[in-house]
Amino acid sequence: MANPNYEKYLNDPDDLIEEMIDGFVKSHEKKIKQVSKRAVAKKEAPIEGKVGVVSGGGSGHLPAFMGYIGEGCLDSVAVGDIFSSPSVDHIYEAIKAADGGKGVLCCIGNFTGDIMNFEMAAEMAEEEGIEVDTVIINDDVASAPKDKMENRRGVAGEVIIWKLAGAMAERGYSLSEMKELADQALYNTRSMGVAHKPCIMPTNGEPSFELDEGEMEIGVGHHGEPGIRKAEMTTNDEITEELLNIVLEDLPYQEGDEVVVLINGLGATSPLEMYISYRKVYNMLEDKGIDIAKNYIGEFFTSQEMAGYSITLTKVDDELKELFADPCDAVSFKQMQEEI
């Protein structure tokens, strides 16, 4: 049968999410299990006596979201269509799969569909006696001014909160303690992204946004949402400097601060390019007297094959540094215990 499909190696586009989940679970069957058609959890979940950590969102962002299931990170995830929220029923199944009797913390991006569906699923779970709280991640500086932070999108800062929430849960923090500290870390987290090529939507073959030849979008979102301006492509140093200056001014980050830096590729940006960007970030922070406690560089939250990257900073104190140093053994996100 001919495949009309728009530059993608797929079968029937109507089956792509289920086939992707099936392949993902089969490839990591020693670590994860499928608990509903579109909900996946740790093999050993639920873990008695530990707060469950749950997330979820649209497909197209691998290794997010399923790749963060594992020790020291997420307990379960609900999966939606491409760039679309999971259904209420599958979120509910993910919450139930994570509940070990100490409650569940949902860590989700600030998108209307995700918030609405997670709220309804949480209500269903609470009717069964499961305590649920939620952190709504809104780290994208480009998407709203500082006085309207509640309107900002969640982008790569979601990875930061998953790591911290997972570490807190492993250490035995209570649900209320995790919610309080996650919100604090979230306030100290800012991101800014750029892209010069869109992804192609597998369901219809259309680009996620339009750019002219040699043009880039400063402040693009993970679904191709527009940023603050379009500009001509220029050098890595100039792009990174603009992104980082916007991030630094927004908190603001100041001399004497310690930060975790995350450089996140959006799907078609090479490690070569990201390390050049990190070099500029490192030098700029050093000049400003801001110390880097830890860095993450790579593809953590993609947008299919979008050509772009984002810069995320999280200001840390001693407690957050310890949590970042804790081990993590998720499917696609691993680290040994560290000294930072």
C-alpha atoms as a PDB file:
ATOM      1  CA  MET A   1       0.000   0.000   0.000  1.00  0.00           C
ATOM      2  CA  ALA A   2       1.357   3.399  -0.937  1.00  0.00           C
ATOM      3  CA  ASN A   3       2.174   5.689   1.951  1.00  0.00           C
ATOM      4  CA  PRO A   4       0.962   9.230   1.201  1.00  0.00           C
ATOM      5  CA  ASN A   5       2.492  10.412   4.341  1.00  0.00           C
ATOM      6  CA  TYR A   6       4.228  13.604   4.264  1.00  0.00           C
ATOM      7  CA  GLU A   7       7.861  12.681   4.793  1.00  0.00           C
ATOM      8  CA  LYS A   8       7.209  10.403   7.793  1.00  0.00           C
ATOM      9  CA  TYR A   9       7.843   6.681   8.245  1.00  0.00           C
ATOM     10  CA  LEU A  10       4.371   5.769   9.459  1.00  0.00           C
ATOM     11  CA  ASN A  11       1.617   3.295   8.813  1.00  0.00           C
ATOM     12  CA  ASP A  12      -1.960   4.572   9.201  1.00  0.00           C
ATOM     13  CA  PRO A  13      -1.728   8.072  10.772  1.00  0.00           C
ATOM     14  CA  ASP A  14      -4.811   7.201  12.831  1.00  0.00           C
ATOM     15  CA  ASP A  15      -2.807   4.502  14.627  1.00  0.00           C
ATOM     16  CA  LEU A  16       0.468   6.320  15.144  1.00  0.00           C
ATOM     17  CA  ILE A  17       0.064   7.080  18.877  1.00  0.00           C
ATOM     18  CA  GLU A  18      -0.974   3.565  19.865  1.00  0.00           C
ATOM     19  CA  GLU A  19       1.793   2.047  17.721  1.00  0.00           C
ATOM     20  CA  MET A  20       4.368   4.407  19.206  1.00  0.00           C
ATOM     21  CA  ILE A  21       3.298   3.581  22.786  1.00  0.00           C
ATOM     22  CA  ASP A  22       3.312  -0.132  22.000  1.00  0.00           C
ATOM     23  CA  GLY A  23       6.826   0.060  20.611  1.00  0.00           C
ATOM     24  CA  PHE A  24       8.042   2.190  23.500  1.00  0.00           C
ATOM     25  CA  VAL A  25       6.653  -0.154  26.142  1.00  0.00           C
ATOM     26  CA  LYS A  26       8.018  -3.235  24.370  1.00  0.00           C
ATOM     27  CA  SER A  27      11.466  -1.653  24.145  1.00  0.00           C
ATOM     28  CA  HIS A  28      11.562  -0.832  27.875  1.00  0.00           C
ATOM     29  CA  GLU A  29       9.435  -3.648  29.276  1.00  0.00           C
ATOM     30  CA  LYS A  30      11.776  -4.272  32.215  1.00  0.00           C
ATOM     31  CA  LYS A  31      11.168  -0.728  33.479  1.00  0.00           C
ATOM     32  CA  ILE A  32       7.649   0.254  32.463  1.00  0.00           C
ATOM     33  CA  LYS A  33       4.178  -1.139  31.929  1.00  0.00           C
ATOM     34  CA  GLN A  34       1.057   0.002  30.119  1.00  0.00           C
ATOM     35  CA  VAL A  35      -1.868   0.643  32.476  1.00  0.00           C
ATOM     36  CA  SER A  36      -4.388   1.845  29.895  1.00  0.00           C
ATOM     37  CA  LYS A  37      -4.502   2.447  26.162  1.00  0.00           C
ATOM     38  CA  ARG A  38      -2.640   5.724  26.668  1.00  0.00           C
ATOM     39  CA  ALA A  39      -1.189   5.591  30.192  1.00  0.00           C
ATOM     40  CA  VAL A  40       2.193   4.145  31.114  1.00  0.00           C
ATOM     41  CA  ALA A  41       3.785   3.621  34.557  1.00  0.00           C
ATOM     42  CA  LYS A  42       6.821   2.227  36.332  1.00  0.00           C
ATOM     43  CA  LYS A  43       6.897  -1.548  36.368  1.00  0.00           C
ATOM     44  CA  GLU A  44       6.714  -1.542  40.190  1.00  0.00           C
ATOM     45  CA  ALA A  45       4.100   1.215  40.536  1.00  0.00           C
ATOM     46  CA  PRO A  46       2.353   2.041  42.736  1.00  0.00           C
ATOM     47  CA  ILE A  47       5.083   2.227  45.400  1.00  0.00           C
ATOM     48  CA  GLU A  48       3.649   2.091  48.881  1.00  0.00           C
ATOM     49  CA  GLY A  49       4.562   4.942  51.198  1.00  0.00           C
ATOM     50  CA  LYS A  50       5.879   7.279  48.482  1.00  0.00           C
ATOM     51  CA  VAL A  51       4.180  10.272  46.894  1.00  0.00           C
ATOM     52  CA  GLY A  52       3.434   9.475  43.268  1.00  0.00           C
ATOM     53  CA  VAL A  53       4.706  11.864  40.583  1.00  0.00           C
ATOM     54  CA  VAL A  54       2.593  12.073  37.427  1.00  0.00           C
ATOM     55  CA  SER A  55       2.785  14.061  34.213  1.00  0.00           C
ATOM     56  CA  GLY A  56       1.481  13.863  30.692  1.00  0.00           C
ATOM     57  CA  GLY A  57       0.785  15.828  27.571  1.00  0.00           C
ATOM     58  CA  GLY A  58       0.711  15.632  23.828  1.00  0.00           C
ATOM     59  CA  SER A  59       2.837  13.291  21.761  1.00  0.00           C
ATOM     60  CA  GLY A  60       5.668  14.505  19.569  1.00  0.00           C
ATOM     61  CA  HIS A  61       7.993  15.535  22.394  1.00  0.00           C
ATOM     62  CA  LEU A  62       9.994  12.350  23.047  1.00  0.00           C
ATOM     63  CA  PRO A  63      11.831  11.646  25.256  1.00  0.00           C
ATOM     64  CA  ALA A  64       9.131  13.647  27.077  1.00  0.00           C
ATOM     65  CA  PHE A  65       6.931  12.416  28.574  1.00  0.00           C
ATOM     66  CA  MET A  66       7.327   8.632  28.795  1.00  0.00           C
ATOM     67  CA  GLY A  67      11.102   8.769  28.840  1.00  0.00           C
ATOM     68  CA  TYR A  68      11.050  10.282  32.326  1.00  0.00           C
ATOM     69  CA  ILE A  69       9.357   7.322  33.968  1.00  0.00           C
ATOM     70  CA  GLY A  70      11.706   5.674  36.428  1.00  0.00           C
ATOM     71  CA  GLU A  71      13.446   5.870  39.782  1.00  0.00           C
ATOM     72  CA  GLY A  72      14.050   9.443  40.880  1.00  0.00           C
ATOM     73  CA  CYS A  73      11.645  10.890  38.327  1.00  0.00           C
ATOM     74  CA  LEU A  74       8.067  10.175  37.166  1.00  0.00           C
ATOM     75  CA  ASP A  75       5.887   7.270  38.309  1.00  0.00           C
ATOM     76  CA  SER A  76       3.385   7.439  35.462  1.00  0.00           C
ATOM     77  CA  VAL A  77       2.383   9.410  32.393  1.00  0.00           C
ATOM     78  CA  ALA A  78      -0.736   9.968  30.308  1.00  0.00           C
ATOM     79  CA  VAL A  79      -0.283  10.331  26.544  1.00  0.00           C
ATOM     80  CA  GLY A  80      -2.262  12.538  24.175  1.00  0.00           C
ATOM     81  CA  ASP A  81      -2.421  13.008  20.416  1.00  0.00           C
ATOM     82  CA  ILE A  82       0.270  15.059  18.688  1.00  0.00           C
ATOM     83  CA  PHE A  83       0.571  18.303  20.680  1.00  0.00           C
ATOM     84  CA  SER A  84      -2.788  17.631  22.377  1.00  0.00           C
ATOM     85  CA  SER A  85      -3.787  16.903  25.951  1.00  0.00           C
ATOM     86  CA  PRO A  86      -4.379  13.328  27.119  1.00  0.00           C
ATOM     87  CA  SER A  87      -7.978  12.439  27.856  1.00  0.00           C
ATOM     88  CA  VAL A  88      -9.425  12.674  31.357  1.00  0.00           C
ATOM     89  CA  ASP A  89      -9.821   8.891  31.561  1.00  0.00           C
ATOM     90  CA  HIS A  90      -6.175   8.168  30.756  1.00  0.00           C
ATOM     91  CA  ILE A  91      -4.951  10.827  33.195  1.00  0.00           C
ATOM     92  CA  TYR A  92      -7.161   9.237  35.834  1.00  0.00           C
ATOM     93  CA  GLU A  93      -5.569   5.846  35.123  1.00  0.00           C
ATOM     94  CA  ALA A  94      -2.098   7.381  35.396  1.00  0.00           C
ATOM     95  CA  ILE A  95      -2.964   8.952  38.760  1.00  0.00           C
ATOM     96  CA  LYS A  96      -4.342   5.670  40.098  1.00  0.00           C
ATOM     97  CA  ALA A  97      -1.248   3.808  38.899  1.00  0.00           C
ATOM     98  CA  ALA A  98       1.013   6.187  40.864  1.00  0.00           C
ATOM     99  CA  ASP A  99      -0.924   6.268  44.136  1.00  0.00           C
ATOM    100  CA  GLY A 100       0.980   4.520  46.916  1.00  0.00           C
ATOM    101  CA  GLY A 101      -1.159   5.932  49.708  1.00  0.00           C
ATOM    102  CA  LYS A 102       0.686   9.222  50.220  1.00  0.00           C
ATOM    103  CA  GLY A 103      -0.955  11.227  47.483  1.00  0.00           C
ATOM    104  CA  VAL A 104      -0.009  12.188  43.946  1.00  0.00           C
ATOM    105  CA  LEU A 105       1.693  15.312  42.597  1.00  0.00           C
ATOM    106  CA  CYS A 106       0.830  16.137  38.977  1.00  0.00           C
ATOM    107  CA  CYS A 107       3.485  18.237  37.210  1.00  0.00           C
ATOM    108  CA  ILE A 108       2.125  19.610  33.927  1.00  0.00           C
ATOM    109  CA  GLY A 109       2.696  22.362  31.411  1.00  0.00           C
ATOM    110  CA  ASN A 110       0.565  25.492  31.414  1.00  0.00           C
ATOM    111  CA  PHE A 111      -1.753  24.630  28.528  1.00  0.00           C
ATOM    112  CA  THR A 112      -5.531  24.992  28.702  1.00  0.00           C
ATOM    113  CA  GLY A 113      -6.409  21.445  27.649  1.00  0.00           C
ATOM    114  CA  ASP A 114      -3.893  19.839  29.990  1.00  0.00           C
ATOM    115  CA  ILE A 115      -5.036  21.917  32.962  1.00  0.00           C
ATOM    116  CA  MET A 116      -8.726  21.238  32.346  1.00  0.00           C
ATOM    117  CA  ASN A 117      -8.301  17.485  31.850  1.00  0.00           C
ATOM    118  CA  PHE A 118      -5.906  17.021  34.767  1.00  0.00           C
ATOM    119  CA  GLU A 119      -8.281  18.954  37.050  1.00  0.00           C
ATOM    120  CA  MET A 120     -11.193  16.701  36.105  1.00  0.00           C
ATOM    121  CA  ALA A 121      -9.102  13.556  36.509  1.00  0.00           C
ATOM    122  CA  ALA A 122      -7.877  14.774  39.905  1.00  0.00           C
ATOM    123  CA  GLU A 123     -11.474  15.294  41.009  1.00  0.00           C
ATOM    124  CA  MET A 124     -12.299  11.720  39.995  1.00  0.00           C
ATOM    125  CA  ALA A 125      -9.291  10.408  41.924  1.00  0.00           C
ATOM    126  CA  GLU A 126     -10.131  12.471  45.007  1.00  0.00           C
ATOM    127  CA  GLU A 127     -13.620  10.964  45.024  1.00  0.00           C
ATOM    128  CA  GLU A 128     -11.843   7.624  45.561  1.00  0.00           C
ATOM    129  CA  GLY A 129      -9.781   9.012  48.438  1.00  0.00           C
ATOM    130  CA  ILE A 130      -6.581   9.809  46.512  1.00  0.00           C
ATOM    131  CA  GLU A 131      -5.087  13.155  47.533  1.00  0.00           C
ATOM    132  CA  VAL A 132      -3.908  15.053  44.453  1.00  0.00           C
ATOM    133  CA  ASP A 133      -2.033  18.341  44.081  1.00  0.00           C
ATOM    134  CA  THR A 134      -0.718  20.001  40.928  1.00  0.00           C
ATOM    135  CA  VAL A 135       2.236  22.106  39.828  1.00  0.00           C
ATOM    136  CA  ILE A 136       1.506  24.054  36.643  1.00  0.00           C
ATOM    137  CA  ILE A 137       4.799  24.790  34.907  1.00  0.00           C
ATOM    138  CA  ASN A 138       5.102  28.183  33.222  1.00  0.00           C
ATOM    139  CA  ASP A 139       8.777  28.847  32.528  1.00  0.00           C
ATOM    140  CA  ASP A 140       8.576  30.294  28.985  1.00  0.00           C
ATOM    141  CA  VAL A 141       9.558  33.963  29.270  1.00  0.00           C
ATOM    142  CA  ALA A 142       8.547  34.756  25.684  1.00  0.00           C
ATOM    143  CA  SER A 143       4.910  33.790  26.057  1.00  0.00           C
ATOM    144  CA  ALA A 144       3.710  36.498  28.469  1.00  0.00           C
ATOM    145  CA  PRO A 145       5.107  39.488  30.382  1.00  0.00           C
ATOM    146  CA  LYS A 146       6.398  39.065  33.918  1.00  0.00           C
ATOM    147  CA  ASP A 147       3.308  40.647  35.474  1.00  0.00           C
ATOM    148  CA  LYS A 148       1.210  37.925  33.788  1.00  0.00           C
ATOM    149  CA  MET A 149       3.381  34.909  34.552  1.00  0.00           C
ATOM    150  CA  GLU A 150       0.278  32.783  35.053  1.00  0.00           C
ATOM    151  CA  ASN A 151      -0.207  32.959  31.265  1.00  0.00           C
ATOM    152  CA  ARG A 152       3.241  31.672  30.365  1.00  0.00           C
ATOM    153  CA  ARG A 153       3.699  28.319  28.625  1.00  0.00           C
ATOM    154  CA  GLY A 154       5.507  25.377  30.083  1.00  0.00           C
ATOM    155  CA  VAL A 155       8.534  24.325  28.049  1.00  0.00           C
ATOM    156  CA  ALA A 156      11.821  22.644  29.043  1.00  0.00           C
ATOM    157  CA  GLY A 157      11.328  23.764  32.644  1.00  0.00           C
ATOM    158  CA  GLU A 158       9.033  20.747  32.919  1.00  0.00           C
ATOM    159  CA  VAL A 159      12.132  18.521  32.891  1.00  0.00           C
ATOM    160  CA  ILE A 160      13.570  20.513  35.811  1.00  0.00           C
ATOM    161  CA  ILE A 161      10.434  20.053  37.902  1.00  0.00           C
ATOM    162  CA  TRP A 162      10.138  16.332  37.070  1.00  0.00           C
ATOM    163  CA  LYS A 163      13.711  15.771  38.241  1.00  0.00           C
ATOM    164  CA  LEU A 164      13.209  17.693  41.480  1.00  0.00           C
ATOM    165  CA  ALA A 165       9.792  16.177  42.249  1.00  0.00           C
ATOM    166  CA  GLY A 166      11.123  12.677  41.643  1.00  0.00           C
ATOM    167  CA  ALA A 167      14.065  13.269  43.956  1.00  0.00           C
ATOM    168  CA  MET A 168      11.809  14.676  46.666  1.00  0.00           C
ATOM    169  CA  ALA A 169       9.490  11.686  46.427  1.00  0.00           C
ATOM    170  CA  GLU A 170      12.404   9.250  46.753  1.00  0.00           C
ATOM    171  CA  ARG A 171      13.596  11.116  49.869  1.00  0.00           C
ATOM    172  CA  GLY A 172      10.184  10.763  51.498  1.00  0.00           C
ATOM    173  CA  TYR A 173       8.930  14.338  51.284  1.00  0.00           C
ATOM    174  CA  SER A 174       5.216  14.753  51.914  1.00  0.00           C
ATOM    175  CA  LEU A 175       2.834  15.887  49.176  1.00  0.00           C
ATOM    176  CA  SER A 176       2.520  19.369  50.694  1.00  0.00           C
ATOM    177  CA  GLU A 177       6.302  19.696  51.048  1.00  0.00           C
ATOM    178  CA  MET A 178       6.799  18.653  47.429  1.00  0.00           C
ATOM    179  CA  LYS A 179       4.207  21.092  46.163  1.00  0.00           C
ATOM    180  CA  GLU A 180       5.737  23.994  48.113  1.00  0.00           C
ATOM    181  CA  LEU A 181       9.315  23.360  47.021  1.00  0.00           C
ATOM    182  CA  ALA A 182       8.372  22.596  43.415  1.00  0.00           C
ATOM    183  CA  ASP A 183       6.531  25.917  43.198  1.00  0.00           C
ATOM    184  CA  GLN A 184       9.585  27.670  44.638  1.00  0.00           C
ATOM    185  CA  ALA A 185      11.891  26.021  42.104  1.00  0.00           C
ATOM    186  CA  LEU A 186       9.445  26.848  39.326  1.00  0.00           C
ATOM    187  CA  TYR A 187       9.498  30.549  40.225  1.00  0.00           C
ATOM    188  CA  ASN A 188      13.288  30.415  39.975  1.00  0.00           C
ATOM    189  CA  THR A 189      13.148  28.807  36.504  1.00  0.00           C
ATOM    190  CA  ARG A 190      13.081  30.692  33.208  1.00  0.00           C
ATOM    191  CA  SER A 191      13.365  29.513  29.589  1.00  0.00           C
ATOM    192  CA  MET A 192      13.701  31.032  26.142  1.00  0.00           C
ATOM    193  CA  GLY A 193      13.771  29.253  22.787  1.00  0.00           C
ATOM    194  CA  VAL A 194      14.481  29.787  19.112  1.00  0.00           C
ATOM    195  CA  ALA A 195      13.777  27.816  15.926  1.00  0.00           C
ATOM    196  CA  HIS A 196      14.585  28.216  12.243  1.00  0.00           C
ATOM    197  CA  LYS A 197      12.629  25.245  10.844  1.00  0.00           C
ATOM    198  CA  PRO A 198       9.236  23.855  11.882  1.00  0.00           C
ATOM    199  CA  CYS A 199       8.263  20.252  12.331  1.00  0.00           C
ATOM    200  CA  ILE A 200       5.872  18.540   9.936  1.00  0.00           C
ATOM    201  CA  MET A 201       2.623  17.439  11.537  1.00  0.00           C
ATOM    202  CA  PRO A 202       2.299  13.691  10.927  1.00  0.00           C
ATOM    203  CA  THR A 203      -1.483  13.786  10.824  1.00  0.00           C
ATOM    204  CA  ASN A 204      -1.757  16.180   7.873  1.00  0.00           C
ATOM    205  CA  GLY A 205       1.713  16.856   6.476  1.00  0.00           C
ATOM    206  CA  GLU A 206       1.541  20.565   7.274  1.00  0.00           C
ATOM    207  CA  PRO A 207       4.367  22.542   8.921  1.00  0.00           C
ATOM    208  CA  SER A 208       3.720  23.622  12.519  1.00  0.00           C
ATOM    209  CA  PHE A 209       4.537  27.223  11.587  1.00  0.00           C
ATOM    210  CA  GLU A 210       5.816  29.207   8.616  1.00  0.00           C
ATOM    211  CA  LEU A 211       9.202  30.880   8.236  1.00  0.00           C
ATOM    212  CA  ASP A 212      10.884  32.368   5.183  1.00  0.00           C
ATOM    213  CA  GLU A 213      14.245  31.110   3.992  1.00  0.00           C
ATOM    214  CA  GLY A 214      17.003  32.247   6.341  1.00  0.00           C
ATOM    215  CA  GLU A 215      14.512  33.385   8.991  1.00  0.00           C
ATOM    216  CA  MET A 216      14.151  32.307  12.618  1.00  0.00           C
ATOM    217  CA  GLU A 217      11.546  32.754  15.350  1.00  0.00           C
ATOM    218  CA  ILE A 218      12.852  34.127  18.655  1.00  0.00           C
ATOM    219  CA  GLY A 219      10.786  32.823  21.577  1.00  0.00           C
ATOM    220  CA  VAL A 220       9.083  29.943  19.773  1.00  0.00           C
ATOM    221  CA  GLY A 221       7.026  27.463  21.788  1.00  0.00           C
ATOM    222  CA  HIS A 222       7.305  23.675  21.684  1.00  0.00           C
ATOM    223  CA  HIS A 223       4.276  23.402  19.417  1.00  0.00           C
ATOM    224  CA  GLY A 224       5.505  26.076  17.032  1.00  0.00           C
ATOM    225  CA  GLU A 225       3.707  28.899  18.826  1.00  0.00           C
ATOM    226  CA  PRO A 226       5.012  32.313  17.787  1.00  0.00           C
ATOM    227  CA  GLY A 227       7.568  34.116  19.899  1.00  0.00           C
ATOM    228  CA  ILE A 228       8.453  37.761  20.324  1.00  0.00           C
ATOM    229  CA  ARG A 229       9.872  38.434  16.858  1.00  0.00           C
ATOM    230  CA  LYS A 230      11.093  36.988  13.601  1.00  0.00           C
ATOM    231  CA  ALA A 231      14.684  37.702  12.594  1.00  0.00           C
ATOM    232  CA  GLU A 232      17.311  36.754  10.065  1.00  0.00           C
ATOM    233  CA  MET A 233      19.554  33.856  11.003  1.00  0.00           C
ATOM    234  CA  THR A 234      22.794  35.007  12.566  1.00  0.00           C
ATOM    235  CA  THR A 235      25.665  33.521  14.555  1.00  0.00           C
ATOM    236  CA  ASN A 236      25.208  31.129  17.456  1.00  0.00           C
ATOM    237  CA  ASP A 237      26.862  33.615  19.821  1.00  0.00           C
ATOM    238  CA  GLU A 238      24.464  36.394  18.867  1.00  0.00           C
ATOM    239  CA  ILE A 239      21.394  34.178  19.166  1.00  0.00           C
ATOM    240  CA  THR A 240      22.474  32.689  22.495  1.00  0.00           C
ATOM    241  CA  GLU A 241      23.329  36.107  23.881  1.00  0.00           C
ATOM    242  CA  GLU A 242      19.873  37.439  23.036  1.00  0.00           C
ATOM    243  CA  LEU A 243      18.091  34.437  24.528  1.00  0.00           C
ATOM    244  CA  LEU A 244      20.177  34.403  27.702  1.00  0.00           C
ATOM    245  CA  ASN A 245      19.924  38.150  28.293  1.00  0.00           C
ATOM    246  CA  ILE A 246      16.126  37.945  28.135  1.00  0.00           C
ATOM    247  CA  VAL A 247      16.169  35.070  30.644  1.00  0.00           C
ATOM    248  CA  LEU A 248      18.639  36.790  32.982  1.00  0.00           C
ATOM    249  CA  GLU A 249      16.690  40.033  33.108  1.00  0.00           C
ATOM    250  CA  ASP A 250      13.372  38.377  33.811  1.00  0.00           C
ATOM    251  CA  LEU A 251      14.008  36.937  37.308  1.00  0.00           C
ATOM    252  CA  PRO A 252      16.502  38.743  37.480  1.00  0.00           C
ATOM    253  CA  TYR A 253      19.524  36.508  38.021  1.00  0.00           C
ATOM    254  CA  GLN A 254      22.345  38.346  39.771  1.00  0.00           C
ATOM    255  CA  GLU A 255      25.995  38.128  40.728  1.00  0.00           C
ATOM    256  CA  GLY A 256      26.490  35.478  43.406  1.00  0.00           C
ATOM    257  CA  ASP A 257      23.574  33.308  42.254  1.00  0.00           C
ATOM    258  CA  GLU A 258      24.045  29.620  41.530  1.00  0.00           C
ATOM    259  CA  VAL A 259      22.092  28.106  38.656  1.00  0.00           C
ATOM    260  CA  VAL A 260      21.383  24.871  36.846  1.00  0.00           C
ATOM    261  CA  VAL A 261      21.606  25.322  33.075  1.00  0.00           C
ATOM    262  CA  LEU A 262      19.625  23.211  30.606  1.00  0.00           C
ATOM    263  CA  ILE A 263      20.281  23.512  26.862  1.00  0.00           C
ATOM    264  CA  ASN A 264      17.459  21.637  25.138  1.00  0.00           C
ATOM    265  CA  GLY A 265      17.393  20.627  21.496  1.00  0.00           C
ATOM    266  CA  LEU A 266      13.996  20.649  19.820  1.00  0.00           C
ATOM    267  CA  GLY A 267      14.610  17.643  17.572  1.00  0.00           C
ATOM    268  CA  ALA A 268      16.876  18.636  14.682  1.00  0.00           C
ATOM    269  CA  THR A 269      19.634  20.604  16.371  1.00  0.00           C
ATOM    270  CA  SER A 270      22.958  18.815  16.614  1.00  0.00           C
ATOM    271  CA  PRO A 271      24.969  18.378  19.820  1.00  0.00           C
ATOM    272  CA  LEU A 272      27.713  20.347  18.071  1.00  0.00           C
ATOM    273  CA  GLU A 273      25.447  23.404  17.912  1.00  0.00           C
ATOM    274  CA  MET A 274      24.206  22.987  21.485  1.00  0.00           C
ATOM    275  CA  TYR A 275      27.722  22.780  22.925  1.00  0.00           C
ATOM    276  CA  ILE A 276      28.666  25.961  21.062  1.00  0.00           C
ATOM    277  CA  SER A 277      25.631  27.589  22.671  1.00  0.00           C
ATOM    278  CA  TYR A 278      26.603  26.277  26.123  1.00  0.00           C
ATOM    279  CA  ARG A 279      30.093  27.725  25.656  1.00  0.00           C
ATOM    280  CA  LYS A 280      28.533  31.178  25.215  1.00  0.00           C
ATOM    281  CA  VAL A 281      26.182  30.676  28.180  1.00  0.00           C
ATOM    282  CA  TYR A 282      29.111  29.598  30.371  1.00  0.00           C
ATOM    283  CA  ASN A 283      31.211  32.618  29.420  1.00  0.00           C
ATOM    284  CA  MET A 284      28.367  35.095  29.891  1.00  0.00           C
ATOM    285  CA  LEU A 285      27.449  33.704  33.310  1.00  0.00           C
ATOM    286  CA  GLU A 286      31.091  33.686  34.371  1.00  0.00           C
ATOM    287  CA  ASP A 287      31.397  37.360  33.379  1.00  0.00           C
ATOM    288  CA  LYS A 288      28.316  38.174  35.482  1.00  0.00           C
ATOM    289  CA  GLY A 289      29.556  36.278  38.547  1.00  0.00           C
ATOM    290  CA  ILE A 290      26.852  33.605  38.314  1.00  0.00           C
ATOM    291  CA  ASP A 291      28.052  30.100  39.155  1.00  0.00           C
ATOM    292  CA  ILE A 292      26.835  27.000  37.302  1.00  0.00           C
ATOM    293  CA  ALA A 293      26.040  24.238  39.800  1.00  0.00           C
ATOM    294  CA  LYS A 294      25.086  21.691  37.121  1.00  0.00           C
ATOM    295  CA  ASN A 295      24.348  21.538  33.409  1.00  0.00           C
ATOM    296  CA  TYR A 296      22.200  19.379  31.153  1.00  0.00           C
ATOM    297  CA  ILE A 297      22.834  19.541  27.394  1.00  0.00           C
ATOM    298  CA  GLY A 298      20.911  17.494  24.837  1.00  0.00           C
ATOM    299  CA  GLU A 299      17.431  16.610  23.620  1.00  0.00           C
ATOM    300  CA  PHE A 300      15.184  16.477  26.693  1.00  0.00           C
ATOM    301  CA  PHE A 301      11.869  17.851  25.378  1.00  0.00           C
ATOM    302  CA  THR A 302      11.665  17.899  21.601  1.00  0.00           C
ATOM    303  CA  SER A 303       9.122  19.078  19.080  1.00  0.00           C
ATOM    304  CA  GLN A 304       9.482  16.219  16.612  1.00  0.00           C
ATOM    305  CA  GLU A 305      12.089  17.447  14.103  1.00  0.00           C
ATOM    306  CA  MET A 306      11.906  21.183  14.789  1.00  0.00           C
ATOM    307  CA  ALA A 307      15.295  22.848  14.229  1.00  0.00           C
ATOM    308  CA  GLY A 308      15.878  24.937  17.327  1.00  0.00           C
ATOM    309  CA  TYR A 309      16.892  24.927  20.962  1.00  0.00           C
ATOM    310  CA  SER A 310      16.061  26.579  24.258  1.00  0.00           C
ATOM    311  CA  ILE A 311      18.011  27.818  27.256  1.00  0.00           C
ATOM    312  CA  THR A 312      16.683  27.215  30.771  1.00  0.00           C
ATOM    313  CA  LEU A 313      18.115  28.560  34.028  1.00  0.00           C
ATOM    314  CA  THR A 314      17.043  27.516  37.528  1.00  0.00           C
ATOM    315  CA  LYS A 315      18.371  29.467  40.494  1.00  0.00           C
ATOM    316  CA  VAL A 316      19.267  26.990  43.253  1.00  0.00           C
ATOM    317  CA  ASP A 317      19.967  26.929  46.985  1.00  0.00           C
ATOM    318  CA  ASP A 318      21.621  24.136  48.964  1.00  0.00           C
ATOM    319  CA  GLU A 319      18.437  22.047  49.188  1.00  0.00           C
ATOM    320  CA  LEU A 320      17.735  22.225  45.466  1.00  0.00           C
ATOM    321  CA  LYS A 321      21.385  21.450  44.668  1.00  0.00           C
ATOM    322  CA  GLU A 322      21.153  18.271  46.742  1.00  0.00           C
ATOM    323  CA  LEU A 323      17.997  17.222  44.895  1.00  0.00           C
ATOM    324  CA  PHE A 324      19.600  17.861  41.510  1.00  0.00           C
ATOM    325  CA  ALA A 325      22.554  15.726  42.626  1.00  0.00           C
ATOM    326  CA  ASP A 326      20.375  12.737  43.549  1.00  0.00           C
ATOM    327  CA  PRO A 327      20.483   9.702  41.256  1.00  0.00           C
ATOM    328  CA  CYS A 328      17.905   9.174  38.562  1.00  0.00           C
ATOM    329  CA  ASP A 329      17.249   6.042  36.532  1.00  0.00           C
ATOM    330  CA  ALA A 330      14.411   6.942  34.195  1.00  0.00           C
ATOM    331  CA  VAL A 331      14.048   5.356  30.780  1.00  0.00           C
ATOM    332  CA  SER A 332      15.718   8.262  28.928  1.00  0.00           C
ATOM    333  CA  PHE A 333      17.136  10.356  31.778  1.00  0.00           C
ATOM    334  CA  LYS A 334      19.848   8.867  33.950  1.00  0.00           C
ATOM    335  CA  GLN A 335      22.481  10.114  36.353  1.00  0.00           C
ATOM    336  CA  MET A 336      24.539   8.715  39.182  1.00  0.00           C
ATOM    337  CA  GLN A 337      24.664  10.331  42.621  1.00  0.00           C
ATOM    338  CA  GLU A 338      26.758  13.478  42.221  1.00  0.00           C
ATOM    339  CA  GLU A 339      28.590  16.064  44.280  1.00  0.00           C
ATOM    340  CA  ILE A 340      27.639  19.551  43.176  1.00  0.00           C
END
